[in-house]
């Protein structure tokens, strides 16, 4: 989809949304408003979490933490491993690689 057709598609979606708002009753408008506010809060929270993660990773890089490897003691060091490893292993990984890298791996980044 090229830029022009994407813009046209978005414009049609906006117009359809506006039309539905014009034809909605008060209860429906309140419901839509509540949902849009909740969506905005969620987006803002995600943006802030991403910003904090970026800052944490920058701090850890400046502090000289080693890059998080793809394997740990013969096991794939993925989100599942981080979620299910024992407390001692989690502490060791955090001490050696930093919590930011572990969080990024948990988020699939």
PDB file of N, CA and C in Angstrom:
ATOM      1  N   UNK A   1       0.853  -1.167   0.000  1.00  0.00           N
ATOM      2  CA  UNK A   1       0.000   0.000   0.000  1.00  0.00           C
ATOM      3  C   UNK A   1       0.901   1.232   0.000  1.00  0.00           C
ATOM      4  N   UNK A   2       0.716   2.105  -0.995  1.00  0.00           N
ATOM      5  CA  UNK A   2       1.567   3.288  -1.045  1.00  0.00           C
ATOM      6  C   UNK A   2       1.049   4.375  -0.115  1.00  0.00           C
ATOM      7  N   UNK A   3       1.842   5.424   0.005  1.00  0.00           N
ATOM      8  CA  UNK A   3       1.538   6.488   0.966  1.00  0.00           C
ATOM      9  C   UNK A   3       0.206   7.162   0.665  1.00  0.00           C
ATOM     10  N   UNK A   4      -0.072   7.402  -0.590  1.00  0.00           N
ATOM     11  CA  UNK A   4      -1.305   8.082  -0.982  1.00  0.00           C
ATOM     12  C   UNK A   4      -2.547   7.245  -0.654  1.00  0.00           C
ATOM     13  N   UNK A   5      -2.497   5.947  -0.972  1.00  0.00           N
ATOM     14  CA  UNK A   5      -3.661   5.096  -0.690  1.00  0.00           C
ATOM     15  C   UNK A   5      -3.828   4.873   0.814  1.00  0.00           C
ATOM     16  N   UNK A   6      -2.708   4.834   1.558  1.00  0.00           N
ATOM     17  CA  UNK A   6      -2.787   4.741   3.020  1.00  0.00           C
ATOM     18  C   UNK A   6      -3.481   5.965   3.595  1.00  0.00           C
ATOM     19  N   UNK A   7      -3.095   7.135   3.072  1.00  0.00           N
ATOM     20  CA  UNK A   7      -3.697   8.389   3.532  1.00  0.00           C
ATOM     21  C   UNK A   7      -5.193   8.395   3.226  1.00  0.00           C
ATOM     22  N   UNK A   8      -5.564   7.969   2.029  1.00  0.00           N
ATOM     23  CA  UNK A   8      -6.972   7.917   1.647  1.00  0.00           C
ATOM     24  C   UNK A   8      -7.738   6.949   2.536  1.00  0.00           C
ATOM     25  N   UNK A   9      -7.149   5.811   2.826  1.00  0.00           N
ATOM     26  CA  UNK A   9      -7.787   4.815   3.691  1.00  0.00           C
ATOM     27  C   UNK A   9      -7.980   5.383   5.094  1.00  0.00           C
ATOM     28  N   UNK A  10      -6.953   6.033   5.624  1.00  0.00           N
ATOM     29  CA  UNK A  10      -7.061   6.643   6.951  1.00  0.00           C
ATOM     30  C   UNK A  10      -8.138   7.726   6.961  1.00  0.00           C
ATOM     31  N   UNK A  11      -8.186   8.507   5.893  1.00  0.00           N
ATOM     32  CA  UNK A  11      -9.183   9.571   5.799  1.00  0.00           C
ATOM     33  C   UNK A  11     -10.598   8.979   5.807  1.00  0.00           C
ATOM     34  N   UNK A  12     -10.795   7.879   5.100  1.00  0.00           N
ATOM     35  CA  UNK A  12     -12.117   7.220   5.089  1.00  0.00           C
ATOM     36  C   UNK A  12     -12.472   6.694   6.474  1.00  0.00           C
ATOM     37  N   UNK A  13     -11.487   6.137   7.170  1.00  0.00           N
ATOM     38  CA  UNK A  13     -11.732   5.644   8.528  1.00  0.00           C
ATOM     39  C   UNK A  13     -12.130   6.786   9.453  1.00  0.00           C
ATOM     40  N   UNK A  14     -11.452   7.906   9.345  1.00  0.00           N
ATOM     41  CA  UNK A  14     -11.771   9.065  10.179  1.00  0.00           C
ATOM     42  C   UNK A  14     -13.180   9.558   9.872  1.00  0.00           C
ATOM     43  N   UNK A  15     -13.512   9.650   8.606  1.00  0.00           N
ATOM     44  CA  UNK A  15     -14.846  10.119   8.223  1.00  0.00           C
ATOM     45  C   UNK A  15     -15.929   9.166   8.721  1.00  0.00           C
ATOM     46  N   UNK A  16     -15.692   7.869   8.619  1.00  0.00           N
ATOM     47  CA  UNK A  16     -16.668   6.884   9.105  1.00  0.00           C
ATOM     48  C   UNK A  16     -16.821   6.989  10.614  1.00  0.00           C
ATOM     49  N   UNK A  17     -15.716   7.172  11.315  1.00  0.00           N
ATOM     50  CA  UNK A  17     -15.752   7.324  12.777  1.00  0.00           C
ATOM     51  C   UNK A  17     -16.541   8.582  13.155  1.00  0.00           C
ATOM     52  N   UNK A  18     -16.250   9.683  12.478  1.00  0.00           N
ATOM     53  CA  UNK A  18     -16.965  10.932  12.756  1.00  0.00           C
ATOM     54  C   UNK A  18     -18.456  10.801  12.478  1.00  0.00           C
ATOM     55  N   UNK A  19     -18.800  10.123  11.406  1.00  0.00           N
ATOM     56  CA  UNK A  19     -20.215   9.914  11.060  1.00  0.00           C
ATOM     57  C   UNK A  19     -20.910   9.090  12.140  1.00  0.00           C
ATOM     58  N   UNK A  20     -20.222   8.058  12.640  1.00  0.00           N
ATOM     59  CA  UNK A  20     -20.830   7.239  13.684  1.00  0.00           C
ATOM     60  C   UNK A  20     -21.011   8.045  14.968  1.00  0.00           C
ATOM     61  N   UNK A  21     -20.095   8.962  15.247  1.00  0.00           N
ATOM     62  CA  UNK A  21     -20.243   9.823  16.424  1.00  0.00           C
ATOM     63  C   UNK A  21     -21.428  10.777  16.279  1.00  0.00           C
ATOM     64  N   UNK A  22     -21.592  11.302  15.089  1.00  0.00           N
ATOM     65  CA  UNK A  22     -22.715  12.227  14.851  1.00  0.00           C
ATOM     66  C   UNK A  22     -24.066  11.537  15.008  1.00  0.00           C
ATOM     67  N   UNK A  23     -24.114  10.260  14.708  1.00  0.00           N
ATOM     68  CA  UNK A  23     -25.378   9.519  14.758  1.00  0.00           C
ATOM     69  C   UNK A  23     -25.565   8.734  16.058  1.00  0.00           C
ATOM     70  N   UNK A  24     -24.640   8.847  16.979  1.00  0.00           N
ATOM     71  CA  UNK A  24     -24.706   8.049  18.214  1.00  0.00           C
ATOM     72  C   UNK A  24     -25.537   8.753  19.281  1.00  0.00           C
ATOM     73  N   UNK A  25     -26.145   7.935  20.149  1.00  0.00           N
ATOM     74  CA  UNK A  25     -26.883   8.513  21.277  1.00  0.00           C
ATOM     75  C   UNK A  25     -25.911   8.828  22.416  1.00  0.00           C
ATOM     76  N   UNK A  26     -26.399   9.469  23.445  1.00  0.00           N
ATOM     77  CA  UNK A  26     -25.550   9.922  24.547  1.00  0.00           C
ATOM     78  C   UNK A  26     -24.828   8.769  25.241  1.00  0.00           C
ATOM     79  N   UNK A  27     -25.538   7.695  25.496  1.00  0.00           N
ATOM     80  CA  UNK A  27     -24.923   6.550  26.179  1.00  0.00           C
ATOM     81  C   UNK A  27     -23.783   5.973  25.342  1.00  0.00           C
ATOM     82  N   UNK A  28     -23.986   5.885  24.048  1.00  0.00           N
ATOM     83  CA  UNK A  28     -22.950   5.357  23.160  1.00  0.00           C
ATOM     84  C   UNK A  28     -21.758   6.303  23.115  1.00  0.00           C
ATOM     85  N   UNK A  29     -22.018   7.602  23.068  1.00  0.00           N
ATOM     86  CA  UNK A  29     -20.931   8.581  23.071  1.00  0.00           C
ATOM     87  C   UNK A  29     -20.092   8.474  24.341  1.00  0.00           C
ATOM     88  N   UNK A  30     -20.759   8.292  25.473  1.00  0.00           N
ATOM     89  CA  UNK A  30     -20.032   8.129  26.734  1.00  0.00           C
ATOM     90  C   UNK A  30     -19.165   6.870  26.706  1.00  0.00           C
ATOM     91  N   UNK A  31     -19.736   5.797  26.188  1.00  0.00           N
ATOM     92  CA  UNK A  31     -18.992   4.537  26.108  1.00  0.00           C
ATOM     93  C   UNK A  31     -17.767   4.695  25.206  1.00  0.00           C
ATOM     94  N   UNK A  32     -17.957   5.332  24.056  1.00  0.00           N
ATOM     95  CA  UNK A  32     -16.845   5.549  23.122  1.00  0.00           C
ATOM     96  C   UNK A  32     -15.782   6.431  23.766  1.00  0.00           C
ATOM     97  N   UNK A  33     -16.208   7.475  24.455  1.00  0.00           N
ATOM     98  CA  UNK A  33     -15.271   8.388  25.116  1.00  0.00           C
ATOM     99  C   UNK A  33     -14.456   7.665  26.174  1.00  0.00           C
ATOM    100  N   UNK A  34     -15.130   6.857  27.001  1.00  0.00           N
ATOM    101  CA  UNK A  34     -14.421   6.088  28.032  1.00  0.00           C
ATOM    102  C   UNK A  34     -13.378   5.167  27.402  1.00  0.00           C
ATOM    103  N   UNK A  35     -13.747   4.510  26.312  1.00  0.00           N
ATOM    104  CA  UNK A  35     -12.819   3.600  25.650  1.00  0.00           C
ATOM    105  C   UNK A  35     -11.636   4.360  25.054  1.00  0.00           C
ATOM    106  N   UNK A  36     -11.902   5.501  24.425  1.00  0.00           N
ATOM    107  CA  UNK A  36     -10.817   6.277  23.831  1.00  0.00           C
ATOM    108  C   UNK A  36      -9.866   6.805  24.903  1.00  0.00           C
ATOM    109  N   UNK A  37     -10.399   7.244  26.034  1.00  0.00           N
ATOM    110  CA  UNK A  37      -9.559   7.716  27.138  1.00  0.00           C
ATOM    111  C   UNK A  37      -8.704   6.560  27.678  1.00  0.00           C
ATOM    112  N   UNK A  38      -9.325   5.394  27.833  1.00  0.00           N
ATOM    113  CA  UNK A  38      -8.581   4.223  28.307  1.00  0.00           C
ATOM    114  C   UNK A  38      -7.478   3.844  27.320  1.00  0.00           C
ATOM    115  N   UNK A  39      -7.785   3.901  26.025  1.00  0.00           N
ATOM    116  CA  UNK A  39      -6.784   3.594  24.995  1.00  0.00           C
ATOM    117  C   UNK A  39      -5.628   4.595  25.038  1.00  0.00           C
ATOM    118  N   UNK A  40      -5.957   5.872  25.226  1.00  0.00           N
ATOM    119  CA  UNK A  40      -4.918   6.902  25.299  1.00  0.00           C
ATOM    120  C   UNK A  40      -4.026   6.698  26.521  1.00  0.00           C
ATOM    121  N   UNK A  41      -4.634   6.372  27.647  1.00  0.00           N
ATOM    122  CA  UNK A  41      -3.842   6.113  28.864  1.00  0.00           C
ATOM    123  C   UNK A  41      -2.911   4.929  28.652  1.00  0.00           C
ATOM    124  N   UNK A  42      -3.431   3.888  28.034  1.00  0.00           N
ATOM    125  CA  UNK A  42      -2.615   2.702  27.774  1.00  0.00           C
ATOM    126  C   UNK A  42      -1.458   3.050  26.847  1.00  0.00           C
ATOM    127  N   UNK A  43      -1.727   3.817  25.801  1.00  0.00           N
ATOM    128  CA  UNK A  43      -0.666   4.208  24.870  1.00  0.00           C
ATOM    129  C   UNK A  43       0.385   5.067  25.569  1.00  0.00           C
ATOM    130  N   UNK A  44      -0.058   5.987  26.416  1.00  0.00           N
ATOM    131  CA  UNK A  44       0.882   6.830  27.156  1.00  0.00           C
ATOM    132  C   UNK A  44       1.723   6.001  28.118  1.00  0.00           C
ATOM    133  N   UNK A  45       1.095   5.050  28.785  1.00  0.00           N
ATOM    134  CA  UNK A  45       1.834   4.190  29.712  1.00  0.00           C
ATOM    135  C   UNK A  45       2.874   3.361  28.965  1.00  0.00           C
ATOM    136  N   UNK A  46       2.510   2.847  27.790  1.00  0.00           N
ATOM    137  CA  UNK A  46       3.448   2.054  27.000  1.00  0.00           C
ATOM    138  C   UNK A  46       4.604   2.917  26.509  1.00  0.00           C
ATOM    139  N   UNK A  47       4.296   4.132  26.074  1.00  0.00           N
ATOM    140  CA  UNK A  47       5.336   5.050  25.616  1.00  0.00           C
ATOM    141  C   UNK A  47       6.313   5.363  26.746  1.00  0.00           C
ATOM    142  N   UNK A  48       5.777   5.605  27.938  1.00  0.00           N
ATOM    143  CA  UNK A  48       6.635   5.896  29.095  1.00  0.00           C
ATOM    144  C   UNK A  48       7.468   4.673  29.485  1.00  0.00           C
ATOM    145  N   UNK A  49       6.874   3.497  29.449  1.00  0.00           N
ATOM    146  CA  UNK A  49       7.622   2.277  29.770  1.00  0.00           C
ATOM    147  C   UNK A  49       8.755   2.065  28.763  1.00  0.00           C
ATOM    148  N   UNK A  50       8.480   2.302  27.489  1.00  0.00           N
ATOM    149  CA  UNK A  50       9.519   2.170  26.462  1.00  0.00           C
ATOM    150  C   UNK A  50      10.634   3.190  26.679  1.00  0.00           C
ATOM    151  N   UNK A  51      10.263   4.416  27.049  1.00  0.00           N
ATOM    152  CA  UNK A  51      11.249   5.460  27.306  1.00  0.00           C
ATOM    153  C   UNK A  51      12.145   5.078  28.492  1.00  0.00           C
ATOM    154  N   UNK A  52      11.514   4.587  29.566  1.00  0.00           N
ATOM    155  CA  UNK A  52      12.273   4.179  30.746  1.00  0.00           C
ATOM    156  C   UNK A  52      13.220   3.018  30.419  1.00  0.00           C
ATOM    157  N   UNK A  53      12.757   2.090  29.605  1.00  0.00           N
ATOM    158  CA  UNK A  53      13.604   0.963  29.216  1.00  0.00           C
ATOM    159  C   UNK A  53      14.806   1.454  28.409  1.00  0.00           C
ATOM    160  N   UNK A  54      14.573   2.366  27.450  1.00  0.00           N
ATOM    161  CA  UNK A  54      15.673   2.921  26.662  1.00  0.00           C
ATOM    162  C   UNK A  54      16.707   3.604  27.561  1.00  0.00           C
ATOM    163  N   UNK A  55      16.223   4.405  28.515  1.00  0.00           N
ATOM    164  CA  UNK A  55      17.132   5.091  29.432  1.00  0.00           C
ATOM    165  C   UNK A  55      17.918   4.091  30.286  1.00  0.00           C
ATOM    166  N   UNK A  56      17.243   3.060  30.758  1.00  0.00           N
ATOM    167  CA  UNK A  56      17.910   2.029  31.552  1.00  0.00           C
ATOM    168  C   UNK A  56      18.985   1.313  30.756  1.00  0.00           C
ATOM    169  N   UNK A  57      18.687   1.000  29.504  1.00  0.00           N
ATOM    170  CA  UNK A  57      19.674   0.334  28.653  1.00  0.00           C
ATOM    171  C   UNK A  57      20.872   1.245  28.396  1.00  0.00           C
ATOM    172  N   UNK A  58      20.607   2.534  28.208  1.00  0.00           N
ATOM    173  CA  UNK A  58      21.711   3.486  28.011  1.00  0.00           C
ATOM    174  C   UNK A  58      22.592   3.562  29.255  1.00  0.00           C
ATOM    175  N   UNK A  59      21.956   3.602  30.433  1.00  0.00           N
ATOM    176  CA  UNK A  59      22.718   3.643  31.687  1.00  0.00           C
ATOM    177  C   UNK A  59      23.576   2.391  31.828  1.00  0.00           C
ATOM    178  N   UNK A  60      22.981   1.238  31.553  1.00  0.00           N
ATOM    179  CA  UNK A  60      23.712  -0.016  31.701  1.00  0.00           C
ATOM    180  C   UNK A  60      24.871  -0.108  30.723  1.00  0.00           C
ATOM    181  N   UNK A  61      24.675   0.402  29.514  1.00  0.00           N
ATOM    182  CA  UNK A  61      25.770   0.419  28.538  1.00  0.00           C
ATOM    183  C   UNK A  61      26.898   1.305  29.049  1.00  0.00           C
ATOM    184  N   UNK A  62      26.540   2.477  29.569  1.00  0.00           N
ATOM    185  CA  UNK A  62      27.551   3.405  30.100  1.00  0.00           C
ATOM    186  C   UNK A  62      28.277   2.802  31.302  1.00  0.00           C
ATOM    187  N   UNK A  63      27.589   1.965  32.061  1.00  0.00           N
ATOM    188  CA  UNK A  63      28.181   1.344  33.246  1.00  0.00           C
ATOM    189  C   UNK A  63      29.049   0.139  32.879  1.00  0.00           C
ATOM    190  N   UNK A  64      29.015  -0.283  31.613  1.00  0.00           N
ATOM    191  CA  UNK A  64      29.894  -1.353  31.164  1.00  0.00           C
ATOM    192  C   UNK A  64      29.343  -2.761  31.300  1.00  0.00           C
ATOM    193  N   UNK A  65      28.025  -2.905  31.407  1.00  0.00           N
ATOM    194  CA  UNK A  65      27.450  -4.256  31.456  1.00  0.00           C
ATOM    195  C   UNK A  65      27.710  -4.974  30.137  1.00  0.00           C
ATOM    196  N   UNK A  66      27.972  -6.265  30.223  1.00  0.00           N
ATOM    197  CA  UNK A  66      28.166  -7.084  29.031  1.00  0.00           C
ATOM    198  C   UNK A  66      26.836  -7.262  28.308  1.00  0.00           C
ATOM    199  N   UNK A  67      26.881  -7.438  26.974  1.00  0.00           N
ATOM    200  CA  UNK A  67      25.643  -7.714  26.238  1.00  0.00           C
ATOM    201  C   UNK A  67      25.041  -9.055  26.673  1.00  0.00           C
ATOM    202  N   UNK A  68      23.741  -9.111  26.716  1.00  0.00           N
ATOM    203  CA  UNK A  68      23.028 -10.332  27.108  1.00  0.00           C
ATOM    204  C   UNK A  68      23.209 -11.387  26.016  1.00  0.00           C
ATOM    205  N   UNK A  69      23.744 -12.565  26.371  1.00  0.00           N
ATOM    206  CA  UNK A  69      23.952 -13.605  25.354  1.00  0.00           C
ATOM    207  C   UNK A  69      22.628 -14.262  24.945  1.00  0.00           C
ATOM    208  N   UNK A  70      22.672 -15.017  23.862  1.00  0.00           N
ATOM    209  CA  UNK A  70      21.488 -15.740  23.390  1.00  0.00           C
ATOM    210  C   UNK A  70      21.283 -17.049  24.133  1.00  0.00           C
ATOM    211  N   UNK A  71      22.355 -17.540  24.763  1.00  0.00           N
ATOM    212  CA  UNK A  71      22.269 -18.792  25.526  1.00  0.00           C
ATOM    213  C   UNK A  71      22.902 -18.599  26.895  1.00  0.00           C
ATOM    214  N   UNK A  72      22.386 -19.371  27.858  1.00  0.00           N
ATOM    215  CA  UNK A  72      22.947 -19.375  29.203  1.00  0.00           C
ATOM    216  C   UNK A  72      23.066 -20.819  29.657  1.00  0.00           C
ATOM    217  N   UNK A  73      24.305 -21.231  29.824  1.00  0.00           N
ATOM    218  CA  UNK A  73      24.603 -22.595  30.272  1.00  0.00           C
ATOM    219  C   UNK A  73      23.875 -23.662  29.451  1.00  0.00           C
ATOM    220  N   UNK A  74      23.949 -23.479  28.123  1.00  0.00           N
ATOM    221  CA  UNK A  74      23.386 -24.459  27.205  1.00  0.00           C
ATOM    222  C   UNK A  74      21.892 -24.326  26.946  1.00  0.00           C
ATOM    223  N   UNK A  75      21.248 -23.351  27.560  1.00  0.00           N
ATOM    224  CA  UNK A  75      19.814 -23.152  27.331  1.00  0.00           C
ATOM    225  C   UNK A  75      19.595 -21.817  26.633  1.00  0.00           C
ATOM    226  N   UNK A  76      18.583 -21.776  25.785  1.00  0.00           N
ATOM    227  CA  UNK A  76      18.248 -20.539  25.095  1.00  0.00           C
ATOM    228  C   UNK A  76      17.802 -19.504  26.129  1.00  0.00           C
ATOM    229  N   UNK A  77      18.435 -18.343  26.103  1.00  0.00           N
ATOM    230  CA  UNK A  77      18.131 -17.280  27.062  1.00  0.00           C
ATOM    231  C   UNK A  77      17.040 -16.387  26.453  1.00  0.00           C
ATOM    232  N   UNK A  78      15.821 -16.884  26.534  1.00  0.00           N
ATOM    233  CA  UNK A  78      14.678 -16.167  25.984  1.00  0.00           C
ATOM    234  C   UNK A  78      13.734 -15.750  27.106  1.00  0.00           C
ATOM    235  N   UNK A  79      12.607 -15.173  26.748  1.00  0.00           N
ATOM    236  CA  UNK A  79      11.645 -14.696  27.742  1.00  0.00           C
ATOM    237  C   UNK A  79      11.170 -15.840  28.646  1.00  0.00           C
ATOM    238  N   UNK A  80      10.935 -17.003  28.060  1.00  0.00           N
ATOM    239  CA  UNK A  80      10.472 -18.149  28.858  1.00  0.00           C
ATOM    240  C   UNK A  80      11.509 -18.515  29.918  1.00  0.00           C
ATOM    241  N   UNK A  81      12.779 -18.561  29.522  1.00  0.00           N
ATOM    242  CA  UNK A  81      13.839 -18.896  30.474  1.00  0.00           C
ATOM    243  C   UNK A  81      13.880 -17.876  31.613  1.00  0.00           C
ATOM    244  N   UNK A  82      13.811 -16.588  31.258  1.00  0.00           N
ATOM    245  CA  UNK A  82      13.881 -15.534  32.279  1.00  0.00           C
ATOM    246  C   UNK A  82      12.700 -15.633  33.243  1.00  0.00           C
ATOM    247  N   UNK A  83      11.531 -15.936  32.716  1.00  0.00           N
ATOM    248  CA  UNK A  83      10.329 -16.039  33.563  1.00  0.00           C
ATOM    249  C   UNK A  83      10.378 -17.242  34.495  1.00  0.00           C
ATOM    250  N   UNK A  84      11.029 -18.316  34.052  1.00  0.00           N
ATOM    251  CA  UNK A  84      10.960 -19.564  34.811  1.00  0.00           C
ATOM    252  C   UNK A  84      12.237 -19.925  35.561  1.00  0.00           C
ATOM    253  N   UNK A  85      13.293 -19.149  35.384  1.00  0.00           N
ATOM    254  CA  UNK A  85      14.536 -19.507  36.081  1.00  0.00           C
ATOM    255  C   UNK A  85      14.389 -19.247  37.584  1.00  0.00           C
ATOM    256  N   UNK A  86      15.255 -19.882  38.358  1.00  0.00           N
ATOM    257  CA  UNK A  86      15.187 -19.705  39.815  1.00  0.00           C
ATOM    258  C   UNK A  86      15.711 -18.320  40.203  1.00  0.00           C
ATOM    259  N   UNK A  87      15.443 -17.942  41.428  1.00  0.00           N
ATOM    260  CA  UNK A  87      15.791 -16.607  41.914  1.00  0.00           C
ATOM    261  C   UNK A  87      17.290 -16.352  41.833  1.00  0.00           C
ATOM    262  N   UNK A  88      18.093 -17.340  42.185  1.00  0.00           N
ATOM    263  CA  UNK A  88      19.537 -17.160  42.156  1.00  0.00           C
ATOM    264  C   UNK A  88      20.039 -16.879  40.740  1.00  0.00           C
ATOM    265  N   UNK A  89      19.520 -17.624  39.776  1.00  0.00           N
ATOM    266  CA  UNK A  89      19.919 -17.406  38.380  1.00  0.00           C
ATOM    267  C   UNK A  89      19.486 -16.017  37.920  1.00  0.00           C
ATOM    268  N   UNK A  90      18.280 -15.618  38.275  1.00  0.00           N
ATOM    269  CA  UNK A  90      17.780 -14.299  37.878  1.00  0.00           C
ATOM    270  C   UNK A  90      18.655 -13.193  38.472  1.00  0.00           C
ATOM    271  N   UNK A  91      19.018 -13.350  39.733  1.00  0.00           N
ATOM    272  CA  UNK A  91      19.899 -12.357  40.377  1.00  0.00           C
ATOM    273  C   UNK A  91      21.261 -12.308  39.692  1.00  0.00           C
ATOM    274  N   UNK A  92      21.809 -13.470  39.367  1.00  0.00           N
ATOM    275  CA  UNK A  92      23.103 -13.533  38.695  1.00  0.00           C
ATOM    276  C   UNK A  92      23.033 -12.837  37.333  1.00  0.00           C
ATOM    277  N   UNK A  93      21.984 -13.131  36.566  1.00  0.00           N
ATOM    278  CA  UNK A  93      21.830 -12.504  35.252  1.00  0.00           C
ATOM    279  C   UNK A  93      21.682 -10.984  35.383  1.00  0.00           C
ATOM    280  N   UNK A  94      20.915 -10.545  36.371  1.00  0.00           N
ATOM    281  CA  UNK A  94      20.719  -9.111  36.588  1.00  0.00           C
ATOM    282  C   UNK A  94      22.034  -8.441  36.968  1.00  0.00           C
ATOM    283  N   UNK A  95      22.793  -9.075  37.846  1.00  0.00           N
ATOM    284  CA  UNK A  95      24.074  -8.517  38.280  1.00  0.00           C
ATOM    285  C   UNK A  95      25.071  -8.448  37.126  1.00  0.00           C
ATOM    286  N   UNK A  96      25.079  -9.465  36.306  1.00  0.00           N
ATOM    287  CA  UNK A  96      26.063  -9.553  35.229  1.00  0.00           C
ATOM    288  C   UNK A  96      25.692  -8.735  33.993  1.00  0.00           C
ATOM    289  N   UNK A  97      24.376  -8.688  33.668  1.00  0.00           N
ATOM    290  CA  UNK A  97      23.959  -8.073  32.408  1.00  0.00           C
ATOM    291  C   UNK A  97      23.056  -6.855  32.580  1.00  0.00           C
ATOM    292  N   UNK A  98      22.496  -6.655  33.757  1.00  0.00           N
ATOM    293  CA  UNK A  98      21.618  -5.517  34.007  1.00  0.00           C
ATOM    294  C   UNK A  98      20.157  -5.859  33.804  1.00  0.00           C
ATOM    295  N   UNK A  99      19.313  -5.237  34.601  1.00  0.00           N
ATOM    296  CA  UNK A  99      17.881  -5.534  34.530  1.00  0.00           C
ATOM    297  C   UNK A  99      17.243  -5.036  33.235  1.00  0.00           C
ATOM    298  N   UNK A 100      17.802  -3.973  32.663  1.00  0.00           N
ATOM    299  CA  UNK A 100      17.242  -3.444  31.421  1.00  0.00           C
ATOM    300  C   UNK A 100      17.303  -4.443  30.285  1.00  0.00           C
ATOM    301  N   UNK A 101      18.435  -5.136  30.155  1.00  0.00           N
ATOM    302  CA  UNK A 101      18.568  -6.120  29.088  1.00  0.00           C
ATOM    303  C   UNK A 101      17.620  -7.301  29.297  1.00  0.00           C
ATOM    304  N   UNK A 102      17.441  -7.691  30.559  1.00  0.00           N
ATOM    305  CA  UNK A 102      16.493  -8.775  30.847  1.00  0.00           C
ATOM    306  C   UNK A 102      15.064  -8.343  30.503  1.00  0.00           C
ATOM    307  N   UNK A 103      14.723  -7.115  30.871  1.00  0.00           N
ATOM    308  CA  UNK A 103      13.380  -6.599  30.567  1.00  0.00           C
ATOM    309  C   UNK A 103      13.183  -6.519  29.068  1.00  0.00           C
ATOM    310  N   UNK A 104      14.182  -6.032  28.352  1.00  0.00           N
ATOM    311  CA  UNK A 104      14.077  -5.954  26.894  1.00  0.00           C
ATOM    312  C   UNK A 104      13.859  -7.330  26.286  1.00  0.00           C
ATOM    313  N   UNK A 105      14.587  -8.324  26.787  1.00  0.00           N
ATOM    314  CA  UNK A 105      14.425  -9.698  26.267  1.00  0.00           C
ATOM    315  C   UNK A 105      13.029 -10.224  26.582  1.00  0.00           C
ATOM    316  N   UNK A 106      12.528  -9.905  27.780  1.00  0.00           N
ATOM    317  CA  UNK A 106      11.174 -10.331  28.145  1.00  0.00           C
ATOM    318  C   UNK A 106      10.149  -9.712  27.196  1.00  0.00           C
ATOM    319  N   UNK A 107      10.377  -8.505  26.778  1.00  0.00           N
ATOM    320  CA  UNK A 107       9.450  -7.808  25.876  1.00  0.00           C
ATOM    321  C   UNK A 107       9.678  -8.155  24.407  1.00  0.00           C
ATOM    322  N   UNK A 108      10.678  -8.982  24.155  1.00  0.00           N
ATOM    323  CA  UNK A 108      10.944  -9.384  22.775  1.00  0.00           C
ATOM    324  C   UNK A 108      11.674  -8.333  21.972  1.00  0.00           C
ATOM    325  N   UNK A 109      12.431  -7.471  22.668  1.00  0.00           N
ATOM    326  CA  UNK A 109      13.166  -6.397  21.958  1.00  0.00           C
ATOM    327  C   UNK A 109      14.632  -6.688  21.926  1.00  0.00           C
TER     328      UNK A 109
END
